[in-house]
Amino acid sequence: MAFTIHSLRHAVYRLILVQSVLVVTCVTYFQLKQGHEFALAALYGGAITLITTLLSAWRITVATHIRNGATRQDAIPGVAEFYKTAIFRLILTIALLAIGLGGLQLDALTLIMGFVAGTLGNFIVPTHPHRA
């Protein structure tokens, strides 16, 4: 089980690094082209991706520790935890986007572009260790 946690931690570190680079690049672009207000909106959008990635990794790590020593027949609670994590991530993303757009009145297009820049990291970083 320690190998699983180590592999997950390594994959999350790589993903967070790539997402951070993409978000900083997006924020820098908006800072140079359109100004401080747009850069903050892009930063907020990118931060949503980083926050949800870290919270998902944390929930999966906790679930892995809880399921430590479980047999094959006990796999259903682990799968249920995986789905709960995915639903939690979706709800958190929607809530944070709503706060940014409705509550903070950030520029919608810039916020979404920052969010997309961070999300692109999920497609760039291979998660399977044999493809790394």
C-alpha atoms as a PDB file:
ATOM      1  CA  MET A   1       0.000   0.000   0.000  1.00  0.00           C
ATOM      2  CA  ALA A   2       2.944   2.343   0.591  1.00  0.00           C
ATOM      3  CA  PHE A   3       3.843   2.020  -3.090  1.00  0.00           C
ATOM      4  CA  THR A   4       0.321   3.121  -4.041  1.00  0.00           C
ATOM      5  CA  ILE A   5       0.478   6.192  -1.810  1.00  0.00           C
ATOM      6  CA  HIS A   6       3.959   7.049  -3.108  1.00  0.00           C
ATOM      7  CA  SER A   7       2.819   6.695  -6.728  1.00  0.00           C
ATOM      8  CA  LEU A   8      -0.247   8.839  -6.089  1.00  0.00           C
ATOM      9  CA  ARG A   9       1.812  11.507  -4.353  1.00  0.00           C
ATOM     10  CA  HIS A  10       4.330  11.568  -7.218  1.00  0.00           C
ATOM     11  CA  ALA A  11       1.574  11.851  -9.843  1.00  0.00           C
ATOM     12  CA  VAL A  12      -0.135  14.657  -7.919  1.00  0.00           C
ATOM     13  CA  TYR A  13       3.137  16.583  -7.533  1.00  0.00           C
ATOM     14  CA  ARG A  14       3.761  16.385 -11.282  1.00  0.00           C
ATOM     15  CA  LEU A  15       0.182  17.388 -12.045  1.00  0.00           C
ATOM     16  CA  ILE A  16       0.239  20.351  -9.645  1.00  0.00           C
ATOM     17  CA  LEU A  17       3.567  21.512 -11.088  1.00  0.00           C
ATOM     18  CA  VAL A  18       2.279  21.429 -14.671  1.00  0.00           C
ATOM     19  CA  GLN A  19      -1.028  23.041 -13.704  1.00  0.00           C
ATOM     20  CA  SER A  20       0.800  25.784 -11.811  1.00  0.00           C
ATOM     21  CA  VAL A  21       3.068  26.537 -14.774  1.00  0.00           C
ATOM     22  CA  LEU A  22       0.082  26.726 -17.116  1.00  0.00           C
ATOM     23  CA  VAL A  23      -1.873  28.988 -14.745  1.00  0.00           C
ATOM     24  CA  VAL A  24       1.102  31.301 -14.149  1.00  0.00           C
ATOM     25  CA  THR A  25       1.628  31.543 -17.908  1.00  0.00           C
ATOM     26  CA  CYS A  26      -2.029  32.455 -18.395  1.00  0.00           C
ATOM     27  CA  VAL A  27      -1.966  34.989 -15.552  1.00  0.00           C
ATOM     28  CA  THR A  28       1.230  36.562 -16.893  1.00  0.00           C
ATOM     29  CA  TYR A  29      -0.313  36.872 -20.349  1.00  0.00           C
ATOM     30  CA  PHE A  30      -3.389  38.653 -18.989  1.00  0.00           C
ATOM     31  CA  GLN A  31      -1.271  40.863 -16.737  1.00  0.00           C
ATOM     32  CA  LEU A  32       0.803  42.024 -19.696  1.00  0.00           C
ATOM     33  CA  LYS A  33      -2.053  42.359 -22.208  1.00  0.00           C
ATOM     34  CA  GLN A  34      -5.073  43.512 -20.212  1.00  0.00           C
ATOM     35  CA  GLY A  35      -4.058  44.460 -16.703  1.00  0.00           C
ATOM     36  CA  HIS A  36      -4.347  43.561 -13.068  1.00  0.00           C
ATOM     37  CA  GLU A  37      -8.103  42.908 -12.892  1.00  0.00           C
ATOM     38  CA  PHE A  38      -7.994  40.333 -15.676  1.00  0.00           C
ATOM     39  CA  ALA A  39      -4.897  38.680 -14.225  1.00  0.00           C
ATOM     40  CA  LEU A  40      -6.707  38.221 -10.895  1.00  0.00           C
ATOM     41  CA  ALA A  41      -9.670  36.629 -12.664  1.00  0.00           C
ATOM     42  CA  ALA A  42      -7.353  34.202 -14.474  1.00  0.00           C
ATOM     43  CA  LEU A  43      -5.558  33.441 -11.213  1.00  0.00           C
ATOM     44  CA  TYR A  44      -8.845  32.687  -9.482  1.00  0.00           C
ATOM     45  CA  GLY A  45      -9.907  30.373 -12.323  1.00  0.00           C
ATOM     46  CA  GLY A  46      -6.589  28.543 -12.206  1.00  0.00           C
ATOM     47  CA  ALA A  47      -6.722  28.317  -8.421  1.00  0.00           C
ATOM     48  CA  ILE A  48     -10.036  26.463  -8.697  1.00  0.00           C
ATOM     49  CA  THR A  49      -8.297  23.724 -10.663  1.00  0.00           C
ATOM     50  CA  LEU A  50      -5.399  23.516  -8.214  1.00  0.00           C
ATOM     51  CA  ILE A  51      -7.693  23.417  -5.168  1.00  0.00           C
ATOM     52  CA  THR A  52      -9.912  20.693  -6.570  1.00  0.00           C
ATOM     53  CA  THR A  53      -6.889  18.611  -7.602  1.00  0.00           C
ATOM     54  CA  LEU A  54      -5.361  18.827  -4.133  1.00  0.00           C
ATOM     55  CA  LEU A  55      -8.633  18.059  -2.350  1.00  0.00           C
ATOM     56  CA  SER A  56      -9.325  15.090  -4.621  1.00  0.00           C
ATOM     57  CA  ALA A  57      -5.857  13.695  -4.012  1.00  0.00           C
ATOM     58  CA  TRP A  58      -6.310  14.167  -0.270  1.00  0.00           C
ATOM     59  CA  ARG A  59      -9.669  12.341  -0.248  1.00  0.00           C
ATOM     60  CA  ILE A  60      -8.265   9.446  -2.270  1.00  0.00           C
ATOM     61  CA  THR A  61      -5.258   9.229   0.039  1.00  0.00           C
ATOM     62  CA  VAL A  62      -7.507   9.119   3.103  1.00  0.00           C
ATOM     63  CA  ALA A  63      -9.688   6.466   1.477  1.00  0.00           C
ATOM     64  CA  THR A  64      -6.586   4.430   0.616  1.00  0.00           C
ATOM     65  CA  HIS A  65      -5.385   4.574   4.219  1.00  0.00           C
ATOM     66  CA  ILE A  66      -8.813   3.534   5.489  1.00  0.00           C
ATOM     67  CA  ARG A  67      -9.000   0.633   3.050  1.00  0.00           C
ATOM     68  CA  ASN A  68      -5.489  -0.530   3.935  1.00  0.00           C
ATOM     69  CA  GLY A  69      -5.615  -4.287   4.390  1.00  0.00           C
ATOM     70  CA  ALA A  70      -8.980  -4.704   2.686  1.00  0.00           C
ATOM     71  CA  THR A  71      -9.620  -7.827   0.660  1.00  0.00           C
ATOM     72  CA  ARG A  72     -10.819  -8.026  -2.899  1.00  0.00           C
ATOM     73  CA  GLN A  73     -14.401  -8.500  -1.753  1.00  0.00           C
ATOM     74  CA  ASP A  74     -14.181  -5.180   0.084  1.00  0.00           C
ATOM     75  CA  ALA A  75     -13.483  -3.227  -3.105  1.00  0.00           C
ATOM     76  CA  ILE A  76     -17.000  -1.794  -3.360  1.00  0.00           C
ATOM     77  CA  PRO A  77     -16.525   0.792  -0.566  1.00  0.00           C
ATOM     78  CA  GLY A  78     -13.311   1.944  -2.295  1.00  0.00           C
ATOM     79  CA  VAL A  79     -15.126   2.397  -5.592  1.00  0.00           C
ATOM     80  CA  ALA A  80     -17.917   4.233  -3.804  1.00  0.00           C
ATOM     81  CA  GLU A  81     -15.338   6.570  -2.248  1.00  0.00           C
ATOM     82  CA  PHE A  82     -13.880   7.227  -5.699  1.00  0.00           C
ATOM     83  CA  TYR A  83     -17.313   8.244  -7.014  1.00  0.00           C
ATOM     84  CA  LYS A  84     -18.012  10.381  -3.941  1.00  0.00           C
ATOM     85  CA  THR A  85     -14.703  12.149  -4.552  1.00  0.00           C
ATOM     86  CA  ALA A  86     -15.611  12.824  -8.192  1.00  0.00           C
ATOM     87  CA  ILE A  87     -19.020  14.221  -7.212  1.00  0.00           C
ATOM     88  CA  PHE A  88     -17.436  16.318  -4.443  1.00  0.00           C
ATOM     89  CA  ARG A  89     -14.946  17.733  -6.951  1.00  0.00           C
ATOM     90  CA  LEU A  90     -17.701  18.628  -9.410  1.00  0.00           C
ATOM     91  CA  ILE A  91     -19.831  20.342  -6.759  1.00  0.00           C
ATOM     92  CA  LEU A  92     -16.821  22.240  -5.389  1.00  0.00           C
ATOM     93  CA  THR A  93     -15.854  23.392  -8.894  1.00  0.00           C
ATOM     94  CA  ILE A  94     -19.376  24.657  -9.605  1.00  0.00           C
ATOM     95  CA  ALA A  95     -19.534  26.442  -6.239  1.00  0.00           C
ATOM     96  CA  LEU A  96     -16.162  28.141  -6.684  1.00  0.00           C
ATOM     97  CA  LEU A  97     -17.026  29.204 -10.235  1.00  0.00           C
ATOM     98  CA  ALA A  98     -20.327  30.636  -8.997  1.00  0.00           C
ATOM     99  CA  ILE A  99     -18.544  32.565  -6.240  1.00  0.00           C
ATOM    100  CA  GLY A 100     -16.048  33.990  -8.724  1.00  0.00           C
ATOM    101  CA  LEU A 101     -18.625  34.958 -11.306  1.00  0.00           C
ATOM    102  CA  GLY A 102     -21.523  35.987  -9.073  1.00  0.00           C
ATOM    103  CA  GLY A 103     -20.022  37.019  -5.771  1.00  0.00           C
ATOM    104  CA  LEU A 104     -16.689  38.490  -6.795  1.00  0.00           C
ATOM    105  CA  GLN A 105     -17.905  39.799 -10.190  1.00  0.00           C
ATOM    106  CA  LEU A 106     -14.759  38.648 -11.997  1.00  0.00           C
ATOM    107  CA  ASP A 107     -14.534  38.770 -15.785  1.00  0.00           C
ATOM    108  CA  ALA A 108     -16.191  35.572 -16.971  1.00  0.00           C
ATOM    109  CA  LEU A 109     -14.098  34.850 -20.057  1.00  0.00           C
ATOM    110  CA  THR A 110     -10.816  35.443 -18.255  1.00  0.00           C
ATOM    111  CA  LEU A 111     -11.849  33.331 -15.265  1.00  0.00           C
ATOM    112  CA  ILE A 112     -12.847  30.457 -17.549  1.00  0.00           C
ATOM    113  CA  MET A 113      -9.592  30.776 -19.498  1.00  0.00           C
ATOM    114  CA  GLY A 114      -7.607  30.493 -16.255  1.00  0.00           C
ATOM    115  CA  PHE A 115      -9.687  27.472 -15.290  1.00  0.00           C
ATOM    116  CA  VAL A 116      -9.114  25.849 -18.680  1.00  0.00           C
ATOM    117  CA  ALA A 117      -5.374  26.573 -18.504  1.00  0.00           C
ATOM    118  CA  GLY A 118      -5.166  24.684 -15.227  1.00  0.00           C
ATOM    119  CA  THR A 119      -7.388  21.874 -16.472  1.00  0.00           C
ATOM    120  CA  LEU A 120      -5.120  21.344 -19.494  1.00  0.00           C
ATOM    121  CA  GLY A 121      -2.572  19.938 -17.056  1.00  0.00           C
ATOM    122  CA  ASN A 122      -4.803  16.877 -16.670  1.00  0.00           C
ATOM    123  CA  PHE A 123      -4.331  16.142 -20.364  1.00  0.00           C
ATOM    124  CA  ILE A 124      -0.605  16.898 -20.495  1.00  0.00           C
ATOM    125  CA  VAL A 125       0.589  14.908 -17.485  1.00  0.00           C
ATOM    126  CA  PRO A 126       0.409  11.150 -17.962  1.00  0.00           C
ATOM    127  CA  THR A 127      -1.079   9.501 -14.905  1.00  0.00           C
ATOM    128  CA  HIS A 128      -0.129   5.933 -15.748  1.00  0.00           C
ATOM    129  CA  PRO A 129       3.428   5.161 -14.530  1.00  0.00           C
ATOM    130  CA  HIS A 130       4.310   3.237 -17.700  1.00  0.00           C
ATOM    131  CA  ARG A 131       3.579   6.272 -19.849  1.00  0.00           C
ATOM    132  CA  ALA A 132       5.558   8.695 -17.674  1.00  0.00           C
END
